[in-house]
């Protein structure tokens, strides 16, 4: 089975947010889709291991910040490779409150939803939400999952429904961030990068990269 085929499905890159006892929290998701138009409903898939999953269950609401091709990649690093249980993900991140829910300001559009149904899989919860509010934030192009992989050179968190173990994708030795999985693919040999080089996704130092 060639799992590369899954990469040809259409995905985006989103920050799904909600409240954690009055504190804003969220996680990166790449599986969000419109189910119906009237009433407008949206489904998102969130891993059971994501702290955000339980917070959505508690509040019964979630927002989707649709990231753009111009969104700072560090936002993906913050929301995709850290846990809201151990860190305040919105600390230092520009946010707005829209439809009574937090959204990442550095996005091209947002949608806020009330949970009206759920479906459980062995690893994920699919939350079906009725849209309560939405708006366009900028004219920038939305970031696709393909763009994230091919241009940003980012990798999917292990909790993502589309995660494929790196060893299944390539046997070519590369330098990979041990924290977020970012693969260095620059013209300058990795060994010649300055010692203050940091991962563009999660901000970790050069020493966190491993050769595979």
N, C-alpha and C. Protein backbone atom coordinates (compact mmCIF):
# COMPACT_ATOMS: atom_id res chain seq x y z
N UNK A 1 0.85 -1.20 0.00
CA UNK A 1 0.00 0.00 0.00
C UNK A 1 0.88 1.24 0.00
N UNK A 2 0.67 2.12 -0.96
CA UNK A 2 1.45 3.35 -1.08
C UNK A 2 0.69 4.51 -0.43
N UNK A 3 1.09 4.85 0.79
CA UNK A 3 0.37 5.87 1.54
C UNK A 3 0.58 7.28 1.00
N UNK A 4 1.49 7.43 0.03
CA UNK A 4 1.64 8.73 -0.62
C UNK A 4 0.32 9.16 -1.29
N UNK A 5 -0.51 8.19 -1.63
CA UNK A 5 -1.78 8.50 -2.30
C UNK A 5 -2.64 9.42 -1.44
N UNK A 6 -2.54 9.28 -0.11
CA UNK A 6 -3.34 10.11 0.78
C UNK A 6 -3.01 11.60 0.63
N UNK A 7 -1.75 11.88 0.24
CA UNK A 7 -1.33 13.28 0.12
C UNK A 7 -2.03 13.99 -1.04
N UNK A 8 -2.69 13.23 -1.92
CA UNK A 8 -3.40 13.84 -3.04
C UNK A 8 -4.83 14.23 -2.68
N UNK A 9 -5.28 13.85 -1.49
CA UNK A 9 -6.54 14.36 -0.99
C UNK A 9 -6.36 15.83 -0.62
N UNK A 10 -7.43 16.58 -0.64
CA UNK A 10 -7.35 18.01 -0.35
C UNK A 10 -7.46 18.25 1.16
N UNK A 11 -6.42 18.85 1.73
CA UNK A 11 -6.40 19.21 3.15
C UNK A 11 -5.98 20.66 3.29
N UNK A 12 -6.30 21.24 4.42
CA UNK A 12 -5.79 22.55 4.76
C UNK A 12 -4.95 22.45 6.01
N UNK A 13 -4.57 23.60 6.56
CA UNK A 13 -3.86 23.65 7.84
C UNK A 13 -4.62 24.65 8.71
N UNK A 14 -5.11 24.18 9.83
CA UNK A 14 -5.98 24.97 10.68
C UNK A 14 -5.53 24.94 12.14
N UNK A 15 -5.88 25.98 12.87
CA UNK A 15 -5.77 25.95 14.33
C UNK A 15 -7.19 25.86 14.88
N UNK A 16 -7.48 24.75 15.53
CA UNK A 16 -8.80 24.55 16.15
C UNK A 16 -8.67 24.95 17.62
N UNK A 17 -9.48 25.92 18.04
CA UNK A 17 -9.34 26.49 19.38
C UNK A 17 -10.64 26.38 20.17
N UNK A 18 -10.50 26.50 21.48
CA UNK A 18 -11.64 26.53 22.38
C UNK A 18 -11.17 27.12 23.71
N UNK A 19 -11.95 26.96 24.77
CA UNK A 19 -11.57 27.46 26.08
C UNK A 19 -11.20 26.32 27.02
N UNK A 20 -10.23 26.58 27.88
CA UNK A 20 -9.82 25.64 28.92
C UNK A 20 -9.98 26.34 30.26
N UNK A 21 -11.20 26.26 30.80
CA UNK A 21 -11.51 26.94 32.07
C UNK A 21 -11.16 28.42 32.00
N UNK A 22 -11.55 29.06 30.92
CA UNK A 22 -11.34 30.49 30.74
C UNK A 22 -10.06 30.86 30.03
N UNK A 23 -9.16 29.89 29.82
CA UNK A 23 -7.91 30.13 29.10
C UNK A 23 -8.04 29.62 27.68
N UNK A 24 -7.57 30.42 26.71
CA UNK A 24 -7.63 30.00 25.31
C UNK A 24 -6.61 28.89 25.06
N UNK A 25 -7.01 27.88 24.32
CA UNK A 25 -6.11 26.80 23.95
C UNK A 25 -6.52 26.27 22.59
N UNK A 26 -5.68 25.42 22.00
CA UNK A 26 -6.01 24.88 20.69
C UNK A 26 -4.93 23.97 20.17
N UNK A 27 -5.15 23.44 18.97
CA UNK A 27 -4.18 22.55 18.34
C UNK A 27 -4.29 22.68 16.82
N UNK A 28 -3.26 22.22 16.13
CA UNK A 28 -3.29 22.21 14.68
C UNK A 28 -4.09 21.00 14.20
N UNK A 29 -4.89 21.22 13.17
CA UNK A 29 -5.63 20.13 12.53
C UNK A 29 -5.52 20.31 11.03
N UNK A 30 -5.57 19.21 10.29
CA UNK A 30 -5.58 19.33 8.84
C UNK A 30 -6.83 18.70 8.22
N UNK A 31 -7.71 18.18 9.07
CA UNK A 31 -8.95 17.58 8.58
C UNK A 31 -10.13 18.38 9.08
N UNK A 32 -10.64 19.26 8.22
CA UNK A 32 -11.84 20.04 8.50
C UNK A 32 -12.61 20.16 7.20
N UNK A 33 -13.91 19.97 7.26
CA UNK A 33 -14.68 20.02 6.02
C UNK A 33 -16.10 20.50 6.28
N UNK A 34 -16.67 21.18 5.28
CA UNK A 34 -18.06 21.59 5.35
C UNK A 34 -18.93 20.38 5.01
N UNK A 35 -19.91 20.10 5.87
CA UNK A 35 -20.78 18.95 5.67
C UNK A 35 -22.09 19.35 5.02
N UNK A 36 -22.71 20.42 5.50
CA UNK A 36 -23.95 20.92 4.91
C UNK A 36 -23.86 22.44 4.78
N UNK A 37 -24.74 22.99 3.93
CA UNK A 37 -24.74 24.45 3.74
C UNK A 37 -25.89 25.14 4.46
N UNK A 38 -27.00 24.44 4.68
CA UNK A 38 -28.15 25.05 5.35
C UNK A 38 -28.85 24.02 6.23
N UNK A 39 -28.63 24.07 7.54
CA UNK A 39 -27.72 25.00 8.22
C UNK A 39 -26.28 24.63 7.94
N UNK A 40 -25.41 25.61 8.00
CA UNK A 40 -23.99 25.36 7.73
C UNK A 40 -23.38 24.55 8.86
N UNK A 41 -22.77 23.43 8.51
CA UNK A 41 -22.10 22.60 9.52
C UNK A 41 -20.69 22.25 9.05
N UNK A 42 -19.78 22.14 10.02
CA UNK A 42 -18.38 21.84 9.77
C UNK A 42 -17.96 20.68 10.66
N UNK A 43 -17.17 19.76 10.11
CA UNK A 43 -16.63 18.65 10.90
C UNK A 43 -15.13 18.79 11.02
N UNK A 44 -14.59 18.55 12.22
CA UNK A 44 -13.15 18.54 12.44
C UNK A 44 -12.78 17.23 13.13
N UNK A 45 -11.58 16.74 12.84
CA UNK A 45 -11.09 15.50 13.43
C UNK A 45 -9.96 15.82 14.39
N UNK A 46 -10.12 15.46 15.66
CA UNK A 46 -9.16 15.77 16.71
C UNK A 46 -8.76 14.48 17.43
N UNK A 47 -7.46 14.24 17.53
CA UNK A 47 -6.94 13.04 18.17
C UNK A 47 -7.35 12.97 19.64
N UNK A 48 -7.64 11.77 20.12
CA UNK A 48 -7.98 11.59 21.53
C UNK A 48 -6.87 12.08 22.45
N UNK A 49 -5.61 12.00 21.99
CA UNK A 49 -4.47 12.39 22.81
C UNK A 49 -4.27 13.90 22.88
N UNK A 50 -4.94 14.65 22.03
CA UNK A 50 -4.81 16.10 22.06
C UNK A 50 -5.61 16.67 23.23
N UNK A 51 -4.97 17.52 24.00
CA UNK A 51 -5.63 18.15 25.15
C UNK A 51 -6.87 18.92 24.71
N UNK A 52 -6.82 19.48 23.51
CA UNK A 52 -7.93 20.26 22.98
C UNK A 52 -9.19 19.43 22.84
N UNK A 53 -9.04 18.12 22.60
CA UNK A 53 -10.19 17.25 22.44
C UNK A 53 -11.11 17.33 23.66
N UNK A 54 -10.53 17.15 24.85
CA UNK A 54 -11.32 17.20 26.07
C UNK A 54 -11.91 18.57 26.34
N UNK A 55 -11.18 19.61 25.94
CA UNK A 55 -11.68 20.98 26.15
C UNK A 55 -12.89 21.27 25.27
N UNK A 56 -12.87 20.76 24.04
CA UNK A 56 -14.03 20.92 23.17
C UNK A 56 -15.23 20.18 23.75
N UNK A 57 -14.99 18.99 24.29
CA UNK A 57 -16.07 18.24 24.92
C UNK A 57 -16.68 19.03 26.08
N UNK A 58 -15.82 19.67 26.88
CA UNK A 58 -16.29 20.40 28.06
C UNK A 58 -17.08 21.65 27.69
N UNK A 59 -16.61 22.37 26.66
CA UNK A 59 -17.25 23.65 26.30
C UNK A 59 -18.38 23.48 25.30
N UNK A 60 -18.28 22.43 24.46
CA UNK A 60 -19.28 22.25 23.41
C UNK A 60 -19.15 23.23 22.27
N UNK A 61 -17.98 23.87 22.16
CA UNK A 61 -17.76 24.84 21.09
C UNK A 61 -16.31 24.80 20.62
N UNK A 62 -16.09 25.20 19.38
CA UNK A 62 -14.72 25.30 18.85
C UNK A 62 -14.69 26.32 17.72
N UNK A 63 -13.49 26.86 17.51
CA UNK A 63 -13.27 27.77 16.38
C UNK A 63 -12.22 27.16 15.46
N UNK A 64 -12.26 27.57 14.21
CA UNK A 64 -11.26 27.14 13.23
C UNK A 64 -10.61 28.39 12.65
N UNK A 65 -9.32 28.55 12.88
CA UNK A 65 -8.54 29.61 12.24
C UNK A 65 -7.90 29.00 11.01
N UNK A 66 -8.29 29.47 9.83
CA UNK A 66 -7.77 28.92 8.58
C UNK A 66 -6.46 29.63 8.27
N UNK A 67 -5.34 28.91 8.37
CA UNK A 67 -4.04 29.52 8.17
C UNK A 67 -3.78 29.79 6.70
N UNK A 68 -2.99 30.81 6.42
CA UNK A 68 -2.67 31.19 5.04
C UNK A 68 -1.24 30.82 4.71
N UNK A 69 -0.88 30.96 3.45
CA UNK A 69 0.49 30.68 3.02
C UNK A 69 1.47 31.66 3.64
N UNK A 70 0.97 32.78 4.13
CA UNK A 70 1.83 33.80 4.75
C UNK A 70 1.85 33.69 6.27
N UNK A 71 1.10 32.79 6.84
CA UNK A 71 1.09 32.63 8.30
C UNK A 71 2.48 32.26 8.80
N UNK A 72 2.89 32.85 9.90
CA UNK A 72 4.18 32.55 10.51
C UNK A 72 4.25 31.06 10.86
N UNK A 73 5.21 30.31 10.28
CA UNK A 73 5.30 28.87 10.57
C UNK A 73 5.45 28.53 12.05
N UNK A 74 5.96 29.48 12.84
CA UNK A 74 6.12 29.20 14.27
C UNK A 74 4.77 28.97 14.95
N UNK A 75 3.69 29.49 14.36
CA UNK A 75 2.36 29.24 14.91
C UNK A 75 2.02 27.76 14.79
N UNK A 76 2.41 27.15 13.67
CA UNK A 76 2.19 25.72 13.49
C UNK A 76 3.03 24.95 14.51
N UNK A 77 4.26 25.41 14.73
CA UNK A 77 5.10 24.77 15.72
C UNK A 77 4.52 24.85 17.11
N UNK A 78 3.96 26.02 17.45
CA UNK A 78 3.40 26.23 18.79
C UNK A 78 2.16 25.35 19.01
N UNK A 79 1.23 25.39 18.06
CA UNK A 79 -0.04 24.69 18.24
C UNK A 79 0.01 23.23 17.83
N UNK A 80 1.02 22.86 17.02
CA UNK A 80 1.08 21.49 16.53
C UNK A 80 2.01 20.57 17.29
N UNK A 81 3.00 21.16 17.98
CA UNK A 81 4.03 20.32 18.60
C UNK A 81 4.23 20.60 20.07
N UNK A 82 3.26 21.29 20.69
CA UNK A 82 3.25 21.47 22.14
C UNK A 82 1.89 21.05 22.65
N UNK A 83 1.80 20.77 23.93
CA UNK A 83 0.53 20.38 24.53
C UNK A 83 -0.06 21.51 25.34
N UNK A 84 -1.36 21.75 25.15
CA UNK A 84 -2.04 22.77 25.94
C UNK A 84 -2.12 22.42 27.41
N UNK A 85 -1.89 21.15 27.74
CA UNK A 85 -1.89 20.73 29.14
C UNK A 85 -0.69 21.28 29.88
N UNK A 86 0.44 21.45 29.14
CA UNK A 86 1.69 21.86 29.77
C UNK A 86 2.08 23.30 29.45
N UNK A 87 1.43 23.93 28.49
CA UNK A 87 1.85 25.28 28.09
C UNK A 87 0.64 26.11 27.67
N UNK A 88 0.80 27.42 27.78
CA UNK A 88 -0.22 28.37 27.33
C UNK A 88 0.07 28.67 25.87
N UNK A 89 -0.61 28.00 24.97
CA UNK A 89 -0.28 28.11 23.55
C UNK A 89 -0.53 29.50 22.99
N UNK A 90 -1.46 30.23 23.59
CA UNK A 90 -1.77 31.56 23.07
C UNK A 90 -0.88 32.64 23.66
N UNK A 91 0.02 32.27 24.57
CA UNK A 91 0.92 33.25 25.16
C UNK A 91 1.82 33.84 24.09
N UNK A 92 1.72 35.15 23.86
CA UNK A 92 2.54 35.82 22.86
C UNK A 92 1.98 35.74 21.45
N UNK A 93 0.86 35.06 21.26
CA UNK A 93 0.23 34.93 19.94
C UNK A 93 -0.90 35.95 19.84
N UNK A 94 -0.89 36.76 18.77
CA UNK A 94 -1.97 37.72 18.58
C UNK A 94 -3.27 36.97 18.37
N UNK A 95 -4.28 37.35 19.11
CA UNK A 95 -5.57 36.66 19.02
C UNK A 95 -6.71 37.67 19.01
N UNK A 96 -7.85 37.20 18.59
CA UNK A 96 -9.08 37.96 18.67
C UNK A 96 -10.16 37.05 19.23
N UNK A 97 -11.17 37.63 19.81
CA UNK A 97 -12.33 36.87 20.27
C UNK A 97 -13.45 37.12 19.26
N UNK A 98 -13.85 36.08 18.58
CA UNK A 98 -14.88 36.17 17.55
C UNK A 98 -15.93 35.10 17.82
N UNK A 99 -17.18 35.50 17.86
CA UNK A 99 -18.22 34.53 18.19
C UNK A 99 -18.00 33.90 19.55
N UNK A 100 -17.44 34.67 20.49
CA UNK A 100 -17.16 34.24 21.87
C UNK A 100 -16.07 33.17 21.95
N UNK A 101 -15.28 33.00 20.89
CA UNK A 101 -14.21 32.01 20.89
C UNK A 101 -12.91 32.64 20.43
N UNK A 102 -11.76 32.11 20.91
CA UNK A 102 -10.47 32.66 20.49
C UNK A 102 -10.11 32.19 19.08
N UNK A 103 -9.49 33.09 18.31
CA UNK A 103 -8.95 32.73 17.01
C UNK A 103 -7.55 33.31 16.89
N UNK A 104 -6.74 32.68 16.05
CA UNK A 104 -5.41 33.21 15.76
C UNK A 104 -5.56 34.34 14.76
N UNK A 105 -5.06 35.52 15.10
CA UNK A 105 -5.24 36.69 14.23
C UNK A 105 -4.52 36.51 12.89
N UNK A 106 -3.40 35.79 12.90
CA UNK A 106 -2.62 35.58 11.68
C UNK A 106 -3.23 34.44 10.86
N UNK A 107 -4.44 34.68 10.35
CA UNK A 107 -5.12 33.68 9.54
C UNK A 107 -5.85 34.40 8.40
N UNK A 108 -6.37 33.65 7.45
CA UNK A 108 -7.06 34.29 6.33
C UNK A 108 -8.59 34.25 6.51
N UNK A 109 -9.08 33.40 7.42
CA UNK A 109 -10.51 33.35 7.71
C UNK A 109 -10.72 32.55 8.99
N UNK A 110 -11.90 32.71 9.58
CA UNK A 110 -12.22 31.94 10.79
C UNK A 110 -13.66 31.47 10.73
N UNK A 111 -13.94 30.42 11.48
CA UNK A 111 -15.28 29.87 11.62
C UNK A 111 -15.45 29.48 13.08
N UNK A 112 -16.58 29.81 13.68
CA UNK A 112 -16.86 29.37 15.04
C UNK A 112 -18.10 28.47 15.03
N UNK A 113 -18.08 27.43 15.86
CA UNK A 113 -19.12 26.40 15.81
C UNK A 113 -19.59 25.97 17.19
N UNK A 114 -20.82 25.51 17.24
CA UNK A 114 -21.40 24.83 18.40
C UNK A 114 -21.47 23.34 18.06
N UNK A 115 -20.93 22.50 18.95
CA UNK A 115 -20.94 21.06 18.70
C UNK A 115 -22.37 20.53 18.75
N UNK A 116 -22.77 19.82 17.69
CA UNK A 116 -24.12 19.24 17.67
C UNK A 116 -24.09 17.71 17.57
N UNK A 117 -22.91 17.15 17.29
CA UNK A 117 -22.81 15.69 17.24
C UNK A 117 -21.34 15.30 17.25
N UNK A 118 -21.06 14.05 17.57
CA UNK A 118 -19.69 13.53 17.54
C UNK A 118 -19.69 12.12 16.97
N UNK A 119 -18.55 11.72 16.44
CA UNK A 119 -18.35 10.34 16.00
C UNK A 119 -16.98 9.90 16.48
N UNK A 120 -16.91 8.73 17.09
CA UNK A 120 -15.65 8.24 17.63
C UNK A 120 -15.01 7.22 16.70
N UNK A 121 -13.70 7.35 16.51
CA UNK A 121 -12.91 6.32 15.86
C UNK A 121 -11.95 5.77 16.91
N UNK A 122 -11.10 4.85 16.53
CA UNK A 122 -10.18 4.28 17.52
C UNK A 122 -9.18 5.30 18.03
N UNK A 123 -8.89 6.34 17.24
CA UNK A 123 -7.86 7.31 17.64
C UNK A 123 -8.36 8.75 17.68
N UNK A 124 -9.45 9.06 16.98
CA UNK A 124 -9.90 10.44 16.84
C UNK A 124 -11.38 10.60 17.16
N UNK A 125 -11.74 11.84 17.54
CA UNK A 125 -13.13 12.25 17.63
C UNK A 125 -13.43 13.18 16.47
N UNK A 126 -14.49 12.90 15.74
CA UNK A 126 -14.95 13.82 14.71
C UNK A 126 -16.06 14.66 15.34
N UNK A 127 -15.80 15.96 15.51
CA UNK A 127 -16.79 16.88 16.07
C UNK A 127 -17.56 17.53 14.92
N UNK A 128 -18.86 17.42 14.94
CA UNK A 128 -19.71 18.10 13.97
C UNK A 128 -20.24 19.37 14.61
N UNK A 129 -19.95 20.51 14.00
CA UNK A 129 -20.36 21.77 14.59
C UNK A 129 -21.26 22.58 13.68
N UNK A 130 -22.28 23.19 14.28
CA UNK A 130 -23.13 24.11 13.54
C UNK A 130 -22.48 25.49 13.58
N UNK A 131 -22.30 26.10 12.43
CA UNK A 131 -21.60 27.38 12.34
C UNK A 131 -22.42 28.48 12.99
N UNK A 132 -21.75 29.22 13.89
CA UNK A 132 -22.39 30.35 14.57
C UNK A 132 -21.87 31.68 14.06
N UNK A 133 -20.63 31.69 13.59
CA UNK A 133 -20.04 32.94 13.09
C UNK A 133 -18.89 32.59 12.16
N UNK A 134 -18.60 33.42 11.18
CA UNK A 134 -17.45 33.24 10.30
C UNK A 134 -17.18 34.53 9.55
N UNK A 135 -15.94 34.71 9.13
CA UNK A 135 -15.57 35.92 8.39
C UNK A 135 -14.22 35.71 7.73
N UNK A 136 -13.94 36.54 6.72
CA UNK A 136 -12.66 36.55 6.03
C UNK A 136 -11.77 37.58 6.70
N UNK A 137 -10.54 37.19 7.01
CA UNK A 137 -9.61 38.09 7.69
C UNK A 137 -8.62 38.76 6.75
N UNK A 138 -8.31 38.10 5.62
CA UNK A 138 -7.38 38.67 4.65
C UNK A 138 -7.61 38.03 3.30
N UNK A 139 -6.97 38.57 2.29
CA UNK A 139 -7.09 38.04 0.93
C UNK A 139 -5.97 37.04 0.61
N UNK A 140 -5.19 36.69 1.60
CA UNK A 140 -4.10 35.74 1.38
C UNK A 140 -4.65 34.35 1.07
N UNK A 141 -3.89 33.59 0.29
CA UNK A 141 -4.32 32.24 -0.09
C UNK A 141 -4.24 31.31 1.11
N UNK A 142 -5.24 30.45 1.31
CA UNK A 142 -5.18 29.50 2.42
C UNK A 142 -4.05 28.50 2.20
N UNK A 143 -3.41 28.11 3.29
CA UNK A 143 -2.33 27.13 3.22
C UNK A 143 -2.93 25.74 3.04
N UNK A 144 -2.49 25.04 2.01
CA UNK A 144 -2.91 23.66 1.84
C UNK A 144 -1.91 22.75 2.54
N UNK A 145 -2.36 21.53 2.78
CA UNK A 145 -1.48 20.54 3.40
C UNK A 145 -0.28 20.26 2.50
N UNK A 146 -0.53 20.25 1.18
CA UNK A 146 0.54 20.02 0.22
C UNK A 146 1.57 21.15 0.28
N UNK A 147 1.08 22.40 0.37
CA UNK A 147 1.98 23.56 0.46
C UNK A 147 2.83 23.47 1.73
N UNK A 148 2.20 23.07 2.83
CA UNK A 148 2.92 22.95 4.10
C UNK A 148 4.07 21.96 3.98
N UNK A 149 3.85 20.86 3.30
CA UNK A 149 4.89 19.84 3.16
C UNK A 149 5.95 20.23 2.12
N UNK A 150 5.51 20.75 0.96
CA UNK A 150 6.43 20.97 -0.14
C UNK A 150 7.16 22.31 -0.08
N UNK A 151 6.51 23.33 0.45
CA UNK A 151 7.12 24.67 0.48
C UNK A 151 7.64 25.00 1.87
N UNK A 152 6.81 24.85 2.89
CA UNK A 152 7.25 25.14 4.26
C UNK A 152 8.20 24.06 4.75
N UNK A 153 8.12 22.85 4.14
CA UNK A 153 8.94 21.70 4.52
C UNK A 153 8.58 21.20 5.91
N UNK A 154 7.32 21.36 6.29
CA UNK A 154 6.88 20.90 7.59
C UNK A 154 6.43 19.46 7.56
N UNK A 155 6.28 18.88 8.74
CA UNK A 155 5.83 17.52 8.89
C UNK A 155 4.57 17.49 9.75
N UNK A 156 3.78 16.43 9.63
CA UNK A 156 2.56 16.30 10.40
C UNK A 156 2.89 15.82 11.81
N UNK A 157 2.23 16.39 12.83
CA UNK A 157 2.40 15.85 14.18
C UNK A 157 1.92 14.41 14.22
N UNK A 158 2.45 13.62 15.16
CA UNK A 158 2.05 12.22 15.25
C UNK A 158 0.58 12.05 15.58
N UNK A 159 -0.06 13.09 16.16
CA UNK A 159 -1.48 12.99 16.49
C UNK A 159 -2.38 13.30 15.30
N UNK A 160 -1.79 13.76 14.18
CA UNK A 160 -2.59 14.12 13.02
C UNK A 160 -3.17 12.88 12.35
N UNK A 161 -4.42 12.98 11.85
CA UNK A 161 -5.01 11.81 11.19
C UNK A 161 -4.28 11.43 9.91
N UNK A 162 -3.51 12.36 9.36
CA UNK A 162 -2.79 12.10 8.11
C UNK A 162 -1.33 11.76 8.35
N UNK A 163 -0.94 11.55 9.61
CA UNK A 163 0.48 11.28 9.90
C UNK A 163 0.94 9.98 9.25
N UNK A 164 2.11 10.05 8.61
CA UNK A 164 2.78 8.88 8.07
C UNK A 164 4.20 8.89 8.61
N UNK A 165 4.61 7.79 9.21
CA UNK A 165 5.95 7.73 9.78
C UNK A 165 6.98 8.08 8.71
N UNK A 166 7.97 8.89 9.10
CA UNK A 166 8.94 9.39 8.13
C UNK A 166 9.68 8.26 7.41
N UNK A 167 9.94 7.15 8.10
CA UNK A 167 10.66 6.07 7.45
C UNK A 167 9.85 5.46 6.31
N UNK A 168 8.51 5.69 6.31
CA UNK A 168 7.68 5.17 5.24
C UNK A 168 7.75 6.06 4.00
N UNK A 169 8.23 7.28 4.17
CA UNK A 169 8.24 8.22 3.06
C UNK A 169 9.55 8.25 2.31
N UNK A 170 10.65 8.09 2.99
CA UNK A 170 11.93 8.25 2.31
C UNK A 170 13.04 7.57 3.10
N UNK A 171 13.97 6.97 2.35
CA UNK A 171 15.12 6.34 2.98
C UNK A 171 16.36 7.22 2.84
N UNK A 172 16.22 8.37 2.22
CA UNK A 172 17.34 9.27 2.00
C UNK A 172 17.75 9.93 3.31
N UNK A 173 19.05 9.91 3.66
CA UNK A 173 19.49 10.55 4.90
C UNK A 173 19.23 12.06 4.85
N UNK A 174 18.60 12.58 5.87
CA UNK A 174 18.31 14.01 5.95
C UNK A 174 18.49 14.47 7.39
N UNK A 175 18.60 15.78 7.56
CA UNK A 175 18.65 16.36 8.90
C UNK A 175 17.23 16.78 9.28
N UNK A 176 16.75 16.21 10.38
CA UNK A 176 15.36 16.41 10.80
C UNK A 176 15.31 16.93 12.23
N UNK A 177 14.44 17.91 12.47
CA UNK A 177 14.25 18.42 13.82
C UNK A 177 13.62 17.32 14.67
N UNK A 178 14.25 16.98 15.78
CA UNK A 178 13.76 15.90 16.63
C UNK A 178 12.51 16.29 17.40
N UNK A 179 12.16 17.58 17.40
CA UNK A 179 10.98 18.04 18.14
C UNK A 179 9.74 18.04 17.26
N UNK A 180 9.84 18.67 16.08
CA UNK A 180 8.64 18.82 15.25
C UNK A 180 8.69 18.05 13.94
N UNK A 181 9.85 17.49 13.58
CA UNK A 181 9.95 16.71 12.35
C UNK A 181 10.28 17.50 11.11
N UNK A 182 10.53 18.81 11.25
CA UNK A 182 10.90 19.62 10.08
C UNK A 182 12.18 19.07 9.44
N UNK A 183 12.17 18.96 8.11
CA UNK A 183 13.31 18.43 7.38
C UNK A 183 14.06 19.59 6.72
N UNK A 184 15.35 19.75 7.05
CA UNK A 184 16.14 20.80 6.45
C UNK A 184 16.45 20.43 5.00
N UNK A 185 16.14 21.37 4.09
CA UNK A 185 16.34 21.11 2.67
C UNK A 185 16.92 22.34 1.97
N UNK A 186 17.77 23.08 2.71
CA UNK A 186 18.35 24.29 2.14
C UNK A 186 19.55 24.01 1.26
N UNK A 187 19.99 25.04 0.54
CA UNK A 187 21.14 24.90 -0.35
C UNK A 187 22.45 24.79 0.42
N UNK A 188 22.52 25.47 1.56
CA UNK A 188 23.73 25.40 2.37
C UNK A 188 23.76 24.08 3.12
N UNK A 189 24.85 23.30 3.04
CA UNK A 189 24.93 22.04 3.80
C UNK A 189 24.63 22.27 5.26
N UNK A 190 23.88 21.37 5.87
CA UNK A 190 23.46 21.55 7.25
C UNK A 190 24.64 21.78 8.18
N UNK A 191 25.74 21.03 7.94
CA UNK A 191 26.92 21.15 8.80
C UNK A 191 27.52 22.54 8.78
N UNK A 192 27.27 23.29 7.69
CA UNK A 192 27.85 24.62 7.54
C UNK A 192 26.93 25.74 8.03
N UNK A 193 25.76 25.40 8.50
CA UNK A 193 24.85 26.41 9.04
C UNK A 193 25.44 26.99 10.32
N UNK A 194 25.18 28.28 10.60
CA UNK A 194 25.69 28.88 11.84
C UNK A 194 25.12 28.19 13.06
N UNK A 195 25.85 28.24 14.17
CA UNK A 195 25.43 27.54 15.38
C UNK A 195 24.15 28.11 15.99
N UNK A 196 23.81 29.36 15.60
CA UNK A 196 22.57 29.95 16.14
C UNK A 196 21.37 29.67 15.24
N UNK A 197 21.55 28.78 14.26
CA UNK A 197 20.43 28.39 13.41
C UNK A 197 19.34 27.74 14.26
N UNK A 198 18.08 28.07 13.97
CA UNK A 198 16.96 27.47 14.70
C UNK A 198 15.94 26.92 13.72
N UNK A 199 15.19 25.95 14.16
CA UNK A 199 14.15 25.36 13.33
C UNK A 199 13.09 26.42 13.01
N UNK A 200 12.75 26.61 11.73
CA UNK A 200 11.75 27.63 11.37
C UNK A 200 10.34 27.29 11.80
N UNK A 201 10.09 26.05 12.19
CA UNK A 201 8.75 25.65 12.61
C UNK A 201 8.58 25.78 14.12
N UNK A 202 9.47 25.16 14.90
CA UNK A 202 9.28 25.16 16.35
C UNK A 202 10.33 25.96 17.12
N UNK A 203 11.33 26.52 16.40
CA UNK A 203 12.30 27.40 17.04
C UNK A 203 13.39 26.71 17.84
N UNK A 204 13.50 25.38 17.71
CA UNK A 204 14.52 24.65 18.47
C UNK A 204 15.90 24.88 17.83
N UNK A 205 16.97 24.78 18.63
CA UNK A 205 18.34 25.04 18.12
C UNK A 205 18.84 23.93 17.19
N UNK A 206 19.93 24.23 16.53
CA UNK A 206 20.56 23.30 15.58
C UNK A 206 20.88 21.97 16.24
N UNK A 207 21.20 21.98 17.51
CA UNK A 207 21.59 20.76 18.21
C UNK A 207 20.44 19.75 18.31
N UNK A 208 19.21 20.21 18.08
CA UNK A 208 18.05 19.32 18.16
C UNK A 208 17.82 18.56 16.85
N UNK A 209 18.60 18.85 15.82
CA UNK A 209 18.46 18.15 14.56
C UNK A 209 19.25 16.86 14.58
N UNK A 210 18.67 15.83 13.97
CA UNK A 210 19.34 14.54 13.91
C UNK A 210 19.43 14.10 12.45
N UNK A 211 20.48 13.38 12.13
CA UNK A 211 20.66 12.87 10.78
C UNK A 211 19.99 11.52 10.64
N UNK A 212 19.19 11.38 9.60
CA UNK A 212 18.48 10.12 9.38
C UNK A 212 18.81 9.56 8.00
